[in-house]
PDB file of all heavy atoms in Angstrom:
ATOM      1  N   SER A   1     -12.771 -26.161   1.814  1.00  0.00           N
ATOM      2  CA  SER A   1     -11.520 -25.530   2.279  1.00  0.00           C
ATOM      3  C   SER A   1     -11.928 -24.120   2.866  1.00  0.00           C
ATOM      4  O   SER A   1     -12.795 -23.486   2.399  1.00  0.00           O
ATOM      5  CB  SER A   1     -10.441 -25.310   1.151  1.00  0.00           C
ATOM      6  OG  SER A   1      -9.323 -24.600   1.594  1.00  0.00           O
ATOM      7  N   CYS A   2     -11.092 -23.742   3.914  1.00  0.00           N
ATOM      8  CA  CYS A   2     -11.230 -22.437   4.425  1.00  0.00           C
ATOM      9  C   CYS A   2     -10.059 -21.620   4.075  1.00  0.00           C
ATOM     10  O   CYS A   2      -9.862 -20.451   4.491  1.00  0.00           O
ATOM     11  CB  CYS A   2     -11.249 -22.552   6.045  1.00  0.00           C
ATOM     12  SG  CYS A   2     -12.703 -23.411   6.607  1.00  0.00           S
ATOM     13  N   GLU A   3      -9.097 -22.209   3.328  1.00  0.00           N
ATOM     14  CA  GLU A   3      -7.838 -21.453   3.044  1.00  0.00           C
ATOM     15  C   GLU A   3      -8.101 -20.630   1.847  1.00  0.00           C
ATOM     16  O   GLU A   3      -9.068 -20.679   1.090  1.00  0.00           O
ATOM     17  CB  GLU A   3      -6.691 -22.367   2.897  1.00  0.00           C
ATOM     18  CG  GLU A   3      -6.748 -23.407   1.675  1.00  0.00           C
ATOM     19  CD  GLU A   3      -5.788 -24.515   1.730  1.00  0.00           C
ATOM     20  OE1 GLU A   3      -4.505 -24.229   1.677  1.00  0.00           O
ATOM     21  OE2 GLU A   3      -6.165 -25.683   1.874  1.00  0.00           O
ATOM     22  N   LEU A   4      -6.997 -19.806   1.447  1.00  0.00           N
ATOM     23  CA  LEU A   4      -6.973 -18.946   0.324  1.00  0.00           C
ATOM     24  C   LEU A   4      -7.017 -19.846  -0.893  1.00  0.00           C
ATOM     25  O   LEU A   4      -6.278 -20.835  -1.010  1.00  0.00           O
ATOM     26  CB  LEU A   4      -5.743 -18.089   0.346  1.00  0.00           C
ATOM     27  CG  LEU A   4      -5.557 -16.903  -0.540  1.00  0.00           C
ATOM     28  CD1 LEU A   4      -6.764 -15.873  -0.237  1.00  0.00           C
ATOM     29  CD2 LEU A   4      -4.233 -16.250  -0.358  1.00  0.00           C
ATOM     30  N   LEU A   5      -7.792 -19.529  -1.880  1.00  0.00           N
ATOM     31  CA  LEU A   5      -8.066 -20.386  -3.138  1.00  0.00           C
ATOM     32  C   LEU A   5      -6.638 -20.617  -3.835  1.00  0.00           C
ATOM     33  O   LEU A   5      -6.445 -21.794  -4.202  1.00  0.00           O
ATOM     34  CB  LEU A   5      -9.075 -19.751  -4.054  1.00  0.00           C
ATOM     35  CG  LEU A   5      -9.343 -20.462  -5.313  1.00  0.00           C
ATOM     36  CD1 LEU A   5      -9.748 -21.978  -5.045  1.00  0.00           C
ATOM     37  CD2 LEU A   5     -10.334 -19.744  -6.128  1.00  0.00           C
ATOM     38  N   ALA A   6      -5.878 -19.657  -3.956  1.00  0.00           N
ATOM     39  CA  ALA A   6      -4.545 -19.823  -4.657  1.00  0.00           C
ATOM     40  C   ALA A   6      -3.723 -20.817  -3.884  1.00  0.00           C
ATOM     41  O   ALA A   6      -2.984 -21.620  -4.578  1.00  0.00           O
ATOM     42  CB  ALA A   6      -3.894 -18.457  -4.880  1.00  0.00           C
ATOM     43  N   ASP A   7      -3.700 -20.776  -2.649  1.00  0.00           N
ATOM     44  CA  ASP A   7      -2.944 -21.761  -1.812  1.00  0.00           C
ATOM     45  C   ASP A   7      -3.511 -23.143  -1.916  1.00  0.00           C
ATOM     46  O   ASP A   7      -2.773 -24.108  -1.949  1.00  0.00           O
ATOM     47  CB  ASP A   7      -2.883 -21.257  -0.390  1.00  0.00           C
ATOM     48  CG  ASP A   7      -2.076 -19.971  -0.222  1.00  0.00           C
ATOM     49  OD1 ASP A   7      -1.176 -19.691  -1.038  1.00  0.00           O
ATOM     50  OD2 ASP A   7      -2.315 -19.278   0.832  1.00  0.00           O
ATOM     51  N   TYR A   8      -4.821 -23.245  -1.871  1.00  0.00           N
ATOM     52  CA  TYR A   8      -5.524 -24.449  -1.986  1.00  0.00           C
ATOM     53  C   TYR A   8      -5.128 -25.104  -3.321  1.00  0.00           C
ATOM     54  O   TYR A   8      -4.846 -26.295  -3.405  1.00  0.00           O
ATOM     55  CB  TYR A   8      -7.003 -24.331  -1.876  1.00  0.00           C
ATOM     56  CG  TYR A   8      -7.820 -25.565  -2.078  1.00  0.00           C
ATOM     57  CD1 TYR A   8      -7.970 -26.458  -1.023  1.00  0.00           C
ATOM     58  CD2 TYR A   8      -8.359 -25.877  -3.337  1.00  0.00           C
ATOM     59  CE1 TYR A   8      -8.726 -27.676  -1.193  1.00  0.00           C
ATOM     60  CE2 TYR A   8      -9.042 -27.063  -3.565  1.00  0.00           C
ATOM     61  CZ  TYR A   8      -9.249 -27.937  -2.445  1.00  0.00           C
ATOM     62  OH  TYR A   8      -9.922 -29.143  -2.744  1.00  0.00           O
ATOM     63  N   ALA A   9      -5.218 -24.362  -4.385  1.00  0.00           N
ATOM     64  CA  ALA A   9      -4.964 -24.889  -5.751  1.00  0.00           C
ATOM     65  C   ALA A   9      -3.514 -25.371  -5.775  1.00  0.00           C
ATOM     66  O   ALA A   9      -3.170 -26.401  -6.385  1.00  0.00           O
ATOM     67  CB  ALA A   9      -5.189 -23.752  -6.780  1.00  0.00           C
ATOM     68  N   ARG A  10      -2.562 -24.659  -5.102  1.00  0.00           N
ATOM     69  CA  ARG A  10      -1.116 -25.077  -5.168  1.00  0.00           C
ATOM     70  C   ARG A  10      -1.020 -26.405  -4.430  1.00  0.00           C
ATOM     71  O   ARG A  10      -0.324 -27.329  -4.935  1.00  0.00           O
ATOM     72  CB  ARG A  10      -0.302 -23.996  -4.445  1.00  0.00           C
ATOM     73  CG  ARG A  10       1.219 -24.356  -4.501  1.00  0.00           C
ATOM     74  CD  ARG A  10       2.050 -23.276  -3.739  1.00  0.00           C
ATOM     75  NE  ARG A  10       2.032 -22.079  -4.534  1.00  0.00           N
ATOM     76  CZ  ARG A  10       1.554 -20.896  -4.048  1.00  0.00           C
ATOM     77  NH1 ARG A  10       1.003 -20.830  -2.857  1.00  0.00           N
ATOM     78  NH2 ARG A  10       1.604 -19.830  -4.774  1.00  0.00           N
ATOM     79  N   ARG A  11      -1.682 -26.539  -3.313  1.00  0.00           N
ATOM     80  CA  ARG A  11      -1.605 -27.740  -2.551  1.00  0.00           C
ATOM     81  C   ARG A  11      -2.206 -29.014  -3.207  1.00  0.00           C
ATOM     82  O   ARG A  11      -1.703 -30.102  -3.115  1.00  0.00           O
ATOM     83  CB  ARG A  11      -2.365 -27.546  -1.181  1.00  0.00           C
ATOM     84  CG  ARG A  11      -2.307 -28.653  -0.167  1.00  0.00           C
ATOM     85  CD  ARG A  11      -2.766 -28.307   1.193  1.00  0.00           C
ATOM     86  NE  ARG A  11      -4.148 -27.839   1.302  1.00  0.00           N
ATOM     87  CZ  ARG A  11      -5.197 -28.662   1.323  1.00  0.00           C
ATOM     88  NH1 ARG A  11      -5.006 -29.976   1.194  1.00  0.00           N
ATOM     89  NH2 ARG A  11      -6.444 -28.132   1.337  1.00  0.00           N
ATOM     90  N   LYS A  12      -3.243 -28.679  -4.070  1.00  0.00           N
ATOM     91  CA  LYS A  12      -3.882 -29.761  -4.812  1.00  0.00           C
ATOM     92  C   LYS A  12      -3.379 -29.922  -6.196  1.00  0.00           C
ATOM     93  O   LYS A  12      -3.897 -30.739  -7.043  1.00  0.00           O
ATOM     94  CB  LYS A  12      -5.357 -29.469  -4.866  1.00  0.00           C
ATOM     95  CG  LYS A  12      -6.186 -29.538  -3.612  1.00  0.00           C
ATOM     96  CD  LYS A  12      -6.193 -31.014  -3.141  1.00  0.00           C
ATOM     97  CE  LYS A  12      -7.177 -31.292  -2.086  1.00  0.00           C
ATOM     98  NZ  LYS A  12      -7.422 -32.643  -1.755  1.00  0.00           N
ATOM     99  N   ASP A  13      -2.279 -29.263  -6.534  1.00  0.00           N
ATOM    100  CA  ASP A  13      -1.692 -29.307  -7.858  1.00  0.00           C
ATOM    101  C   ASP A  13      -2.576 -28.900  -8.987  1.00  0.00           C
ATOM    102  O   ASP A  13      -2.557 -29.318 -10.086  1.00  0.00           O
ATOM    103  CB  ASP A  13      -1.134 -30.774  -8.180  1.00  0.00           C
ATOM    104  CG  ASP A  13       0.039 -31.142  -7.332  1.00  0.00           C
ATOM    105  OD1 ASP A  13       0.849 -30.218  -6.996  1.00  0.00           O
ATOM    106  OD2 ASP A  13       0.040 -32.285  -6.885  1.00  0.00           O
ATOM    107  N   GLY A  14      -3.583 -28.005  -8.600  1.00  0.00           N
ATOM    108  CA  GLY A  14      -4.452 -27.457  -9.638  1.00  0.00           C
ATOM    109  C   GLY A  14      -3.813 -26.392 -10.466  1.00  0.00           C
ATOM    110  O   GLY A  14      -2.977 -25.658  -9.984  1.00  0.00           O
ATOM    111  N   CYS A  15      -4.126 -26.484 -11.782  1.00  0.00           N
ATOM    112  CA  CYS A  15      -3.469 -25.473 -12.736  1.00  0.00           C
ATOM    113  C   CYS A  15      -4.469 -24.487 -13.179  1.00  0.00           C
ATOM    114  O   CYS A  15      -4.185 -23.434 -13.735  1.00  0.00           O
ATOM    115  CB  CYS A  15      -2.892 -26.237 -13.925  1.00  0.00           C
ATOM    116  SG  CYS A  15      -3.993 -27.153 -14.897  1.00  0.00           S
ATOM    117  N   VAL A  16      -5.752 -24.796 -12.969  1.00  0.00           N
ATOM    118  CA  VAL A  16      -6.872 -23.859 -13.466  1.00  0.00           C
ATOM    119  C   VAL A  16      -7.986 -23.694 -12.463  1.00  0.00           C
ATOM    120  O   VAL A  16      -8.362 -24.741 -11.774  1.00  0.00           O
ATOM    121  CB  VAL A  16      -7.415 -24.408 -14.819  1.00  0.00           C
ATOM    122  CG1 VAL A  16      -8.619 -23.629 -15.219  1.00  0.00           C
ATOM    123  CG2 VAL A  16      -6.422 -24.466 -15.891  1.00  0.00           C
ATOM    124  N   ILE A  17      -8.482 -22.494 -12.345  1.00  0.00           N
ATOM    125  CA  ILE A  17      -9.715 -22.278 -11.577  1.00  0.00           C
ATOM    126  C   ILE A  17     -10.793 -22.125 -12.578  1.00  0.00           C
ATOM    127  O   ILE A  17     -10.652 -21.452 -13.590  1.00  0.00           O
ATOM    128  CB  ILE A  17      -9.589 -20.990 -10.690  1.00  0.00           C
ATOM    129  CG1 ILE A  17      -8.437 -21.035  -9.712  1.00  0.00           C
ATOM    130  CG2 ILE A  17     -10.916 -20.612 -10.089  1.00  0.00           C
ATOM    131  CD1 ILE A  17      -8.546 -22.103  -8.674  1.00  0.00           C
ATOM    132  N   VAL A  18     -11.903 -22.818 -12.331  1.00  0.00           N
ATOM    133  CA  VAL A  18     -13.009 -22.701 -13.258  1.00  0.00           C
ATOM    134  C   VAL A  18     -14.044 -21.812 -12.600  1.00  0.00           C
ATOM    135  O   VAL A  18     -14.461 -22.033 -11.412  1.00  0.00           O
ATOM    136  CB  VAL A  18     -13.695 -24.116 -13.515  1.00  0.00           C
ATOM    137  CG1 VAL A  18     -15.019 -23.997 -14.310  1.00  0.00           C
ATOM    138  CG2 VAL A  18     -12.758 -25.074 -14.238  1.00  0.00           C
ATOM    139  N   LYS A  19     -14.547 -20.812 -13.347  1.00  0.00           N
ATOM    140  CA  LYS A  19     -15.581 -19.903 -12.777  1.00  0.00           C
ATOM    141  C   LYS A  19     -16.705 -19.855 -13.843  1.00  0.00           C
ATOM    142  O   LYS A  19     -16.432 -19.723 -15.045  1.00  0.00           O
ATOM    143  CB  LYS A  19     -15.018 -18.553 -12.606  1.00  0.00           C
ATOM    144  CG  LYS A  19     -13.940 -18.426 -11.500  1.00  0.00           C
ATOM    145  CD  LYS A  19     -14.323 -18.892 -10.154  1.00  0.00           C
ATOM    146  CE  LYS A  19     -15.256 -17.882  -9.467  1.00  0.00           C
ATOM    147  NZ  LYS A  19     -15.476 -18.086  -8.087  1.00  0.00           N
ATOM    148  N   GLY A  20     -17.899 -20.011 -13.379  1.00  0.00           N
ATOM    149  CA  GLY A  20     -19.095 -19.844 -14.224  1.00  0.00           C
ATOM    150  C   GLY A  20     -19.538 -18.364 -14.250  1.00  0.00           C
ATOM    151  O   GLY A  20     -19.560 -17.716 -13.222  1.00  0.00           O
ATOM    152  N   LEU A  21     -19.864 -17.834 -15.355  1.00  0.00           N
ATOM    153  CA  LEU A  21     -20.277 -16.466 -15.561  1.00  0.00           C
ATOM    154  C   LEU A  21     -21.680 -16.426 -16.057  1.00  0.00           C
ATOM    155  O   LEU A  21     -22.014 -17.095 -17.051  1.00  0.00           O
ATOM    156  CB  LEU A  21     -19.380 -15.675 -16.531  1.00  0.00           C
ATOM    157  CG  LEU A  21     -17.958 -15.470 -16.187  1.00  0.00           C
ATOM    158  CD1 LEU A  21     -17.260 -14.731 -17.270  1.00  0.00           C
ATOM    159  CD2 LEU A  21     -17.864 -14.741 -14.865  1.00  0.00           C
ATOM    160  N   ARG A  22     -22.659 -15.803 -15.338  1.00  0.00           N
ATOM    161  CA  ARG A  22     -23.982 -15.668 -15.795  1.00  0.00           C
ATOM    162  C   ARG A  22     -24.209 -14.427 -16.678  1.00  0.00           C
ATOM    163  O   ARG A  22     -24.983 -14.477 -17.555  1.00  0.00           O
ATOM    164  CB  ARG A  22     -24.879 -15.566 -14.534  1.00  0.00           C
ATOM    165  CG  ARG A  22     -24.947 -16.889 -13.791  1.00  0.00           C
ATOM    166  CD  ARG A  22     -25.827 -16.700 -12.618  1.00  0.00           C
ATOM    167  NE  ARG A  22     -25.035 -15.720 -11.650  1.00  0.00           N
ATOM    168  CZ  ARG A  22     -25.286 -15.634 -10.419  1.00  0.00           C
ATOM    169  NH1 ARG A  22     -26.112 -16.342  -9.877  1.00  0.00           N
ATOM    170  NH2 ARG A  22     -24.536 -14.740  -9.672  1.00  0.00           N
ATOM    171  N   ALA A  23     -23.604 -13.357 -16.270  1.00  0.00           N
ATOM    172  CA  ALA A  23     -23.785 -12.091 -16.969  1.00  0.00           C
ATOM    173  C   ALA A  23     -22.596 -11.183 -16.948  1.00  0.00           C
ATOM    174  O   ALA A  23     -21.634 -11.562 -16.234  1.00  0.00           O
ATOM    175  CB  ALA A  23     -24.996 -11.265 -16.229  1.00  0.00           C
ATOM    176  N   GLY A  24     -22.604 -10.181 -17.771  1.00  0.00           N
ATOM    177  CA  GLY A  24     -21.425  -9.389 -17.769  1.00  0.00           C
ATOM    178  C   GLY A  24     -21.000  -8.816 -16.479  1.00  0.00           C
ATOM    179  O   GLY A  24     -19.843  -8.602 -16.172  1.00  0.00           O
ATOM    180  N   SER A  25     -22.023  -8.542 -15.654  1.00  0.00           N
ATOM    181  CA  SER A  25     -21.738  -7.993 -14.294  1.00  0.00           C
ATOM    182  C   SER A  25     -20.888  -8.949 -13.520  1.00  0.00           C
ATOM    183  O   SER A  25     -20.162  -8.466 -12.549  1.00  0.00           O
ATOM    184  CB  SER A  25     -23.041  -7.678 -13.568  1.00  0.00           C
ATOM    185  OG  SER A  25     -23.877  -8.746 -13.489  1.00  0.00           O
ATOM    186  N   ASP A  26     -20.953 -10.237 -13.690  1.00  0.00           N
ATOM    187  CA  ASP A  26     -20.167 -11.217 -12.940  1.00  0.00           C
ATOM    188  C   ASP A  26     -18.652 -11.051 -13.299  1.00  0.00           C
ATOM    189  O   ASP A  26     -17.783 -11.312 -12.586  1.00  0.00           O
ATOM    190  CB  ASP A  26     -20.491 -12.699 -13.259  1.00  0.00           C
ATOM    191  CG  ASP A  26     -21.802 -13.125 -12.632  1.00  0.00           C
ATOM    192  OD1 ASP A  26     -22.289 -12.361 -11.813  1.00  0.00           O
ATOM    193  OD2 ASP A  26     -22.356 -14.203 -13.028  1.00  0.00           O
ATOM    194  N   PHE A  27     -18.375 -10.676 -14.554  1.00  0.00           N
ATOM    195  CA  PHE A  27     -17.002 -10.663 -15.141  1.00  0.00           C
ATOM    196  C   PHE A  27     -16.093  -9.746 -14.346  1.00  0.00           C
ATOM    197  O   PHE A  27     -14.956 -10.171 -14.002  1.00  0.00           O
ATOM    198  CB  PHE A  27     -16.948 -10.332 -16.595  1.00  0.00           C
ATOM    199  CG  PHE A  27     -15.654 -10.298 -17.165  1.00  0.00           C
ATOM    200  CD1 PHE A  27     -14.956 -11.548 -17.434  1.00  0.00           C
ATOM    201  CD2 PHE A  27     -14.979  -9.118 -17.411  1.00  0.00           C
ATOM    202  CE1 PHE A  27     -13.668 -11.559 -17.926  1.00  0.00           C
ATOM    203  CE2 PHE A  27     -13.644  -9.191 -17.885  1.00  0.00           C
ATOM    204  CZ  PHE A  27     -13.006 -10.357 -18.216  1.00  0.00           C
ATOM    205  N   GLU A  28     -16.490  -8.567 -14.034  1.00  0.00           N
ATOM    206  CA  GLU A  28     -15.566  -7.598 -13.459  1.00  0.00           C
ATOM    207  C   GLU A  28     -14.956  -8.135 -12.106  1.00  0.00           C
ATOM    208  O   GLU A  28     -13.755  -8.143 -11.900  1.00  0.00           O
ATOM    209  CB  GLU A  28     -16.259  -6.253 -13.166  1.00  0.00           C
ATOM    210  CG  GLU A  28     -15.398  -5.198 -12.763  1.00  0.00           C
ATOM    211  CD  GLU A  28     -16.023  -3.840 -12.700  1.00  0.00           C
ATOM    212  OE1 GLU A  28     -16.834  -3.540 -13.559  1.00  0.00           O
ATOM    213  OE2 GLU A  28     -15.670  -3.092 -11.785  1.00  0.00           O
ATOM    214  N   ASN A  29     -15.806  -8.645 -11.261  1.00  0.00           N
ATOM    215  CA  ASN A  29     -15.394  -9.182  -9.934  1.00  0.00           C
ATOM    216  C   ASN A  29     -14.583 -10.365 -10.123  1.00  0.00           C
ATOM    217  O   ASN A  29     -13.495 -10.572  -9.521  1.00  0.00           O
ATOM    218  CB  ASN A  29     -16.561  -9.471  -8.990  1.00  0.00           C
ATOM    219  CG  ASN A  29     -16.189  -9.886  -7.631  1.00  0.00           C
ATOM    220  OD1 ASN A  29     -15.338  -9.324  -7.068  1.00  0.00           O
ATOM    221  ND2 ASN A  29     -16.753 -10.919  -7.216  1.00  0.00           N
ATOM    222  N   GLU A  30     -14.964 -11.309 -11.058  1.00  0.00           N
ATOM    223  CA  GLU A  30     -14.243 -12.582 -11.238  1.00  0.00           C
ATOM    224  C   GLU A  30     -12.908 -12.274 -11.930  1.00  0.00           C
ATOM    225  O   GLU A  30     -11.935 -12.983 -11.636  1.00  0.00           O
ATOM    226  CB  GLU A  30     -15.069 -13.504 -12.119  1.00  0.00           C
ATOM    227  CG  GLU A  30     -16.401 -14.020 -11.450  1.00  0.00           C
ATOM    228  CD  GLU A  30     -16.114 -14.885 -10.198  1.00  0.00           C
ATOM    229  OE1 GLU A  30     -14.985 -15.246  -9.886  1.00  0.00           O
ATOM    230  OE2 GLU A  30     -17.166 -15.074  -9.493  1.00  0.00           O
ATOM    231  N   PHE A  31     -12.873 -11.354 -12.840  1.00  0.00           N
ATOM    232  CA  PHE A  31     -11.554 -10.982 -13.513  1.00  0.00           C
ATOM    233  C   PHE A  31     -10.561 -10.545 -12.455  1.00  0.00           C
ATOM    234  O   PHE A  31      -9.421 -10.900 -12.435  1.00  0.00           O
ATOM    235  CB  PHE A  31     -11.820  -9.914 -14.540  1.00  0.00           C
ATOM    236  CG  PHE A  31     -10.581  -9.581 -15.314  1.00  0.00           C
ATOM    237  CD1 PHE A  31     -10.068 -10.370 -16.215  1.00  0.00           C
ATOM    238  CD2 PHE A  31      -9.979  -8.332 -15.019  1.00  0.00           C
ATOM    239  CE1 PHE A  31      -8.840 -10.033 -16.859  1.00  0.00           C
ATOM    240  CE2 PHE A  31      -8.811  -7.937 -15.748  1.00  0.00           C
ATOM    241  CZ  PHE A  31      -8.224  -8.838 -16.681  1.00  0.00           C
ATOM    242  N   GLN A  32     -11.022  -9.607 -11.572  1.00  0.00           N
ATOM    243  CA  GLN A  32     -10.185  -9.144 -10.530  1.00  0.00           C
ATOM    244  C   GLN A  32      -9.684 -10.232  -9.565  1.00  0.00           C
ATOM    245  O   GLN A  32      -8.479 -10.365  -9.212  1.00  0.00           O
ATOM    246  CB  GLN A  32     -10.846  -8.076  -9.622  1.00  0.00           C
ATOM    247  CG  GLN A  32     -10.099  -7.441  -8.565  1.00  0.00           C
ATOM    248  CD  GLN A  32     -10.913  -6.373  -7.787  1.00  0.00           C
ATOM    249  OE1 GLN A  32     -12.178  -6.494  -7.666  1.00  0.00           O
ATOM    250  NE2 GLN A  32     -10.206  -5.462  -7.158  1.00  0.00           N
ATOM    251  N   MET A  33     -10.520 -11.155  -9.225  1.00  0.00           N
ATOM    252  CA  MET A  33     -10.111 -12.301  -8.402  1.00  0.00           C
ATOM    253  C   MET A  33      -9.122 -13.178  -9.210  1.00  0.00           C
ATOM    254  O   MET A  33      -8.200 -13.719  -8.582  1.00  0.00           O
ATOM    255  CB  MET A  33     -11.394 -13.113  -8.001  1.00  0.00           C
ATOM    256  CG  MET A  33     -12.226 -12.394  -6.890  1.00  0.00           C
ATOM    257  SD  MET A  33     -13.716 -13.182  -6.563  1.00  0.00           S
ATOM    258  CE  MET A  33     -13.241 -14.764  -6.065  1.00  0.00           C
ATOM    259  N   ALA A  34      -9.391 -13.415 -10.493  1.00  0.00           N
ATOM    260  CA  ALA A  34      -8.398 -14.190 -11.316  1.00  0.00           C
ATOM    261  C   ALA A  34      -7.009 -13.626 -11.274  1.00  0.00           C
ATOM    262  O   ALA A  34      -5.977 -14.249 -11.165  1.00  0.00           O
ATOM    263  CB  ALA A  34      -9.020 -14.316 -12.679  1.00  0.00           C
ATOM    264  N   GLN A  35      -6.991 -12.227 -11.404  1.00  0.00           N
ATOM    265  CA  GLN A  35      -5.679 -11.619 -11.273  1.00  0.00           C
ATOM    266  C   GLN A  35      -4.971 -11.737 -10.036  1.00  0.00           C
ATOM    267  O   GLN A  35      -3.801 -11.971 -10.035  1.00  0.00           O
ATOM    268  CB  GLN A  35      -5.839 -10.063 -11.706  1.00  0.00           C
ATOM    269  CG  GLN A  35      -6.433  -9.870 -13.167  1.00  0.00           C
ATOM    270  CD  GLN A  35      -5.438 -10.347 -14.197  1.00  0.00           C
ATOM    271  OE1 GLN A  35      -4.272 -10.176 -14.148  1.00  0.00           O
ATOM    272  NE2 GLN A  35      -5.988 -11.190 -15.094  1.00  0.00           N
ATOM    273  N   ILE A  36      -5.684 -11.637  -8.957  1.00  0.00           N
ATOM    274  CA  ILE A  36      -5.123 -11.747  -7.605  1.00  0.00           C
ATOM    275  C   ILE A  36      -4.586 -13.154  -7.408  1.00  0.00           C
ATOM    276  O   ILE A  36      -3.500 -13.402  -6.932  1.00  0.00           O
ATOM    277  CB  ILE A  36      -6.148 -11.372  -6.475  1.00  0.00           C
ATOM    278  CG1 ILE A  36      -6.381  -9.812  -6.569  1.00  0.00           C
ATOM    279  CG2 ILE A  36      -5.665 -11.800  -5.127  1.00  0.00           C
ATOM    280  CD1 ILE A  36      -7.556  -9.394  -5.740  1.00  0.00           C
ATOM    281  N   ASN A  37      -5.471 -14.221  -7.803  1.00  0.00           N
ATOM    282  CA  ASN A  37      -5.018 -15.603  -7.669  1.00  0.00           C
ATOM    283  C   ASN A  37      -3.740 -15.856  -8.428  1.00  0.00           C
ATOM    284  O   ASN A  37      -2.865 -16.623  -7.985  1.00  0.00           O
ATOM    285  CB  ASN A  37      -6.095 -16.510  -8.087  1.00  0.00           C
ATOM    286  CG  ASN A  37      -7.260 -16.571  -7.078  1.00  0.00           C
ATOM    287  OD1 ASN A  37      -7.030 -16.507  -5.845  1.00  0.00           O
ATOM    288  ND2 ASN A  37      -8.522 -16.768  -7.531  1.00  0.00           N
ATOM    289  N   HIS A  38      -3.678 -15.351  -9.645  1.00  0.00           N
ATOM    290  CA  HIS A  38      -2.530 -15.510 -10.494  1.00  0.00           C
ATOM    291  C   HIS A  38      -1.312 -14.842  -9.882  1.00  0.00           C
ATOM    292  O   HIS A  38      -0.180 -15.380 -10.038  1.00  0.00           O
ATOM    293  CB  HIS A  38      -2.783 -15.042 -11.976  1.00  0.00           C
ATOM    294  CG  HIS A  38      -1.671 -15.378 -12.875  1.00  0.00           C
ATOM    295  ND1 HIS A  38      -1.372 -16.622 -13.340  1.00  0.00           N
ATOM    296  CD2 HIS A  38      -0.734 -14.571 -13.491  1.00  0.00           C
ATOM    297  CE1 HIS A  38      -0.376 -16.633 -14.149  1.00  0.00           C
ATOM    298  NE2 HIS A  38       0.129 -15.338 -14.202  1.00  0.00           N
ATOM    299  N   LYS A  39      -1.466 -13.694  -9.271  1.00  0.00           N
ATOM    300  CA  LYS A  39      -0.328 -13.007  -8.584  1.00  0.00           C
ATOM    301  C   LYS A  39       0.160 -13.838  -7.476  1.00  0.00           C
ATOM    302  O   LYS A  39       1.416 -13.924  -7.279  1.00  0.00           O
ATOM    303  CB  LYS A  39      -0.862 -11.606  -8.104  1.00  0.00           C
ATOM    304  CG  LYS A  39       0.196 -10.779  -7.461  1.00  0.00           C
ATOM    305  CD  LYS A  39       1.052 -10.111  -8.494  1.00  0.00           C
ATOM    306  CE  LYS A  39       1.954  -9.128  -7.800  1.00  0.00           C
ATOM    307  NZ  LYS A  39       3.079  -8.709  -8.622  1.00  0.00           N
TER     308      LYS A  39
END
């Protein structure tokens, strides 16, 4: 997909985004993205 992830999830009836975290440094960016997607 080339569309916004939150819109893609809505179109596909997705209820959860899965993100893999390797290190604590991944969390800050992924947490921010999770908040935006939920908004």
